[in-house]
Amino acid sequence: MIVTVQKPLNELLDFISPYGKILLAGCDGCTQPPRGLREANTLAQLLELGGKLRDKNFKFKTTTIAKQCDSHLTATMLKPQLEGIDAIMSLACGIGVQEIAQAFPEVPVFPAQNTVFFGAEERDKGAIEERCAGCGNCLLPLTGGICPIARCSKGLTSGACGGSKQGKCELSPEKDCAWVLIYNQLKKQGKLELLKQSRAPRDYQLTGWRVTT
């Protein structure tokens, strides 16, 4: 099970303020409480009202996907809906946000939720790569949809460390350097100025706290 908590409405409005037409993508997967089409429609209404209070005339399109963590399904379902879309806001956990960002690197993708808790799933075959650490304060809008907490071996929130070689991590040479990935992603989006921002280290008090659903 994955537990998420919606980000404050003002923070979401800040994310989308430069854009006009936004796709809100729900997820019918494993998050609790549910974050599907009904929740996407409700959020669209709240953001539209909040936008009017800011003299912003947002246009929203809503959809939902069975599991945003399924990269093929996500890419297949969303691609036909992106015409005229300026940005995407995902109601999934941090993994879903990253799958969308990976599938459509030229489109800004924002998380509507903070992911705060993960359950465990056992698999007899294959491997599972950690993409989200459920840190409780999602940095994905600032890092091109790539989580530095989970994917950087040092968990750096302001990278890079300078030790990578040919795009690989100095601690785990078989692993891609997260901050090289972040740089390349932000470059595609024309947002390299975000790398100049300094952020505080991870606050572990925000992880794993109890949530009433």
Protein backbone atom coordinates (compact mmCIF):
# COMPACT_ATOMS: atom_id res chain seq x y z
CA MET A 1 0.00 0.00 0.00
CA ILE A 2 1.12 3.54 -0.75
CA VAL A 3 -0.29 6.41 1.28
CA THR A 4 -0.38 9.91 -0.21
CA VAL A 5 -1.51 13.28 1.11
CA GLN A 6 -2.58 16.06 -1.23
CA LYS A 7 -0.25 19.02 -1.41
CA PRO A 8 -1.64 22.41 -0.30
CA LEU A 9 -3.81 24.00 -2.98
CA ASN A 10 -1.69 27.16 -3.09
CA GLU A 11 1.40 25.07 -3.81
CA LEU A 12 -0.36 23.32 -6.68
CA LEU A 13 -1.49 26.68 -8.07
CA ASP A 14 2.11 27.89 -7.91
CA PHE A 15 3.21 24.86 -9.97
CA ILE A 16 0.75 25.47 -12.80
CA SER A 17 0.64 29.28 -12.75
CA PRO A 18 2.84 29.66 -15.90
CA TYR A 19 0.59 27.35 -17.91
CA GLY A 20 -2.88 27.49 -19.42
CA LYS A 21 -4.15 23.99 -20.23
CA ILE A 22 -3.35 21.25 -17.72
CA LEU A 23 -4.04 17.52 -17.83
CA LEU A 24 -4.92 16.07 -14.42
CA ALA A 25 -4.06 12.38 -14.45
CA GLY A 26 -5.59 10.20 -11.76
CA CYS A 27 -4.42 6.72 -10.84
CA ASP A 28 -6.61 3.73 -10.00
CA GLY A 29 -3.67 1.81 -8.56
CA CYS A 30 -2.51 1.24 -5.01
CA THR A 31 -2.60 4.68 -3.37
CA GLN A 32 -4.79 5.30 -0.35
CA PRO A 33 -7.09 7.13 -0.25
CA PRO A 34 -8.09 6.57 -3.91
CA ARG A 35 -6.86 9.12 -6.46
CA GLY A 36 -8.84 8.24 -9.58
CA LEU A 37 -11.07 10.14 -11.99
CA ARG A 38 -13.49 11.39 -9.34
CA GLU A 39 -10.65 12.88 -7.32
CA ALA A 40 -9.12 14.38 -10.49
CA ASN A 41 -12.44 16.07 -11.32
CA THR A 42 -12.75 17.41 -7.78
CA LEU A 43 -9.20 18.76 -7.87
CA ALA A 44 -9.88 20.40 -11.24
CA GLN A 45 -12.83 22.27 -9.72
CA LEU A 46 -10.75 23.44 -6.75
CA LEU A 47 -7.86 24.57 -8.94
CA GLU A 48 -10.20 26.36 -11.34
CA LEU A 49 -11.72 28.27 -8.42
CA GLY A 50 -8.30 29.00 -6.95
CA GLY A 51 -7.11 30.19 -10.34
CA LYS A 52 -9.95 32.67 -10.63
CA LEU A 53 -8.98 34.12 -7.25
CA ARG A 54 -5.53 34.69 -8.77
CA ASP A 55 -6.97 36.08 -12.03
CA LYS A 56 -5.86 32.93 -13.85
CA ASN A 57 -8.10 31.21 -16.38
CA PHE A 58 -6.90 27.62 -16.32
CA LYS A 59 -8.33 24.96 -18.61
CA PHE A 60 -8.34 21.43 -17.21
CA LYS A 61 -8.66 18.02 -18.80
CA THR A 62 -9.03 14.98 -16.55
CA THR A 63 -8.29 11.31 -17.03
CA THR A 64 -7.25 8.29 -15.01
CA ILE A 65 -4.96 5.31 -15.55
CA ALA A 66 -5.22 1.87 -14.00
CA LYS A 67 -1.60 2.00 -12.78
CA GLN A 68 0.67 4.95 -13.53
CA CYS A 69 3.65 2.84 -12.40
CA ASP A 70 3.13 0.71 -15.52
CA SER A 71 5.31 2.65 -17.97
CA HIS A 72 3.80 1.12 -21.13
CA LEU A 73 0.22 1.66 -19.99
CA THR A 74 0.90 5.22 -18.89
CA ALA A 75 2.61 6.20 -22.16
CA THR A 76 -0.10 4.53 -24.26
CA MET A 77 -3.02 6.05 -22.36
CA LEU A 78 -1.70 9.60 -22.08
CA LYS A 79 -0.14 10.17 -25.50
CA PRO A 80 -3.46 10.68 -27.35
CA GLN A 81 -4.57 13.22 -24.73
CA LEU A 82 -1.58 15.57 -24.84
CA GLU A 83 -2.53 17.71 -27.85
CA GLY A 84 -2.68 21.32 -26.70
CA ILE A 85 -1.63 20.41 -23.15
CA ASP A 86 0.93 22.70 -21.49
CA ALA A 87 1.60 20.67 -18.35
CA ILE A 88 0.54 17.49 -16.55
CA MET A 89 -0.37 17.11 -12.88
CA SER A 90 -0.37 13.56 -11.56
CA LEU A 91 -2.50 12.39 -8.65
CA ALA A 92 -0.41 9.23 -8.31
CA CYS A 93 2.47 8.56 -5.93
CA GLY A 94 5.96 9.77 -6.79
CA ILE A 95 6.58 6.73 -8.99
CA GLY A 96 3.65 7.61 -11.24
CA VAL A 97 4.89 11.19 -11.57
CA GLN A 98 8.30 9.92 -12.65
CA GLU A 99 6.87 7.45 -15.17
CA ILE A 100 4.97 10.27 -16.86
CA ALA A 101 8.04 12.52 -16.79
CA GLN A 102 10.12 9.75 -18.35
CA ALA A 103 7.55 9.02 -21.04
CA PHE A 104 7.08 12.70 -21.98
CA PRO A 105 10.30 14.54 -21.04
CA GLU A 106 9.38 17.73 -22.91
CA VAL A 107 6.21 18.28 -20.86
CA PRO A 108 6.42 19.65 -17.29
CA VAL A 109 4.96 17.12 -14.84
CA PHE A 110 3.90 18.07 -11.31
CA PRO A 111 2.87 15.96 -8.30
CA ALA A 112 -0.49 16.69 -6.70
CA GLN A 113 0.45 14.49 -3.73
CA ASN A 114 3.15 14.05 -1.14
CA THR A 115 4.00 10.35 -0.85
CA VAL A 116 4.49 9.45 2.81
CA PHE A 117 4.40 5.65 3.19
CA PHE A 118 5.11 2.50 1.16
CA GLY A 119 4.10 -1.11 1.71
CA ALA A 120 6.19 -4.01 0.38
CA GLU A 121 5.56 -6.30 -2.57
CA GLU A 122 7.43 -9.58 -3.02
CA ARG A 123 8.26 -10.78 -6.51
CA ASP A 124 9.72 -14.10 -7.51
CA LYS A 125 11.17 -12.80 -10.76
CA GLY A 126 12.78 -9.64 -12.05
CA ALA A 127 14.07 -6.60 -10.21
CA ILE A 128 12.45 -3.52 -8.77
CA GLU A 129 14.30 -0.21 -8.92
CA GLU A 130 13.57 2.28 -6.18
CA ARG A 131 12.26 5.47 -7.74
CA CYS A 132 10.62 7.21 -4.76
CA ALA A 133 11.61 7.32 -1.09
CA GLY A 134 8.31 8.66 0.22
CA CYS A 135 10.13 11.55 1.86
CA GLY A 136 6.92 13.51 2.55
CA ASN A 137 8.04 16.69 0.76
CA CYS A 138 8.10 15.96 -2.96
CA LEU A 139 10.94 17.69 -4.85
CA LEU A 140 10.01 16.38 -8.29
CA PRO A 141 8.81 19.77 -9.64
CA LEU A 142 12.32 21.10 -9.02
CA THR A 143 14.28 18.13 -10.36
CA GLY A 144 12.65 17.36 -13.69
CA GLY A 145 10.50 14.53 -12.35
CA ILE A 146 13.49 12.51 -11.10
CA CYS A 147 13.76 11.83 -7.36
CA PRO A 148 17.22 12.74 -5.97
CA ILE A 149 16.43 11.18 -2.59
CA ALA A 150 15.80 7.71 -3.99
CA ARG A 151 18.01 7.72 -7.08
CA CYS A 152 21.12 9.53 -5.82
CA SER A 153 23.32 7.18 -3.77
CA LYS A 154 24.11 10.07 -1.43
CA GLY A 155 20.53 11.34 -1.29
CA LEU A 156 21.65 14.85 -2.27
CA THR A 157 18.86 17.42 -2.48
CA SER A 158 21.19 19.98 -4.10
CA GLY A 159 23.48 18.24 -6.54
CA ALA A 160 25.65 17.22 -8.03
CA CYS A 161 28.55 15.99 -5.88
CA GLY A 162 31.05 16.22 -8.75
CA GLY A 163 32.22 12.63 -8.43
CA SER A 164 30.36 11.02 -11.31
CA LYS A 165 32.28 9.61 -14.26
CA GLN A 166 30.76 9.33 -17.72
CA GLY A 167 27.31 9.78 -16.23
CA LYS A 168 27.72 7.01 -13.65
CA CYS A 169 27.69 7.23 -9.85
CA GLU A 170 31.08 7.17 -8.12
CA LEU A 171 29.70 4.97 -5.32
CA SER A 172 27.84 2.56 -7.62
CA PRO A 173 29.54 2.62 -11.05
CA GLU A 174 26.81 0.46 -12.60
CA LYS A 175 24.19 3.06 -11.63
CA ASP A 176 23.33 6.23 -13.55
CA CYS A 177 24.15 9.45 -11.68
CA ALA A 178 20.79 10.86 -10.63
CA TRP A 179 21.97 14.43 -10.99
CA VAL A 180 23.22 13.85 -14.53
CA LEU A 181 19.73 12.51 -15.31
CA ILE A 182 18.18 15.55 -13.61
CA TYR A 183 20.41 17.95 -15.57
CA ASN A 184 19.51 16.32 -18.89
CA GLN A 185 15.79 16.38 -18.04
CA LEU A 186 15.79 20.03 -16.98
CA LYS A 187 17.77 20.94 -20.10
CA LYS A 188 15.05 19.38 -22.28
CA GLN A 189 12.44 21.44 -20.42
CA GLY A 190 14.46 24.68 -20.58
CA LYS A 191 14.62 24.85 -16.76
CA LEU A 192 18.32 24.62 -15.96
CA GLU A 193 17.96 27.67 -13.71
CA LEU A 194 16.36 25.37 -11.12
CA LEU A 195 19.80 23.82 -10.53
CA LYS A 196 20.92 27.12 -9.00
CA GLN A 197 18.46 26.77 -6.13
CA SER A 198 19.78 25.49 -2.81
CA ARG A 199 17.51 23.20 -0.82
CA ALA A 200 17.65 21.95 2.75
CA PRO A 201 18.59 18.30 3.41
CA ARG A 202 15.84 15.73 3.74
CA ASP A 203 13.63 16.14 6.82
CA TYR A 204 13.17 12.60 8.13
CA GLN A 205 10.39 13.72 10.47
CA LEU A 206 8.07 13.88 7.46
CA THR A 207 8.50 10.19 6.59
CA GLY A 208 6.20 7.43 7.75
CA TRP A 209 3.91 9.51 9.94
CA ARG A 210 0.39 8.28 10.56
CA VAL A 211 -2.33 9.45 8.22
CA THR A 212 -6.09 9.26 8.77
CA THR A 213 -7.72 8.18 5.51
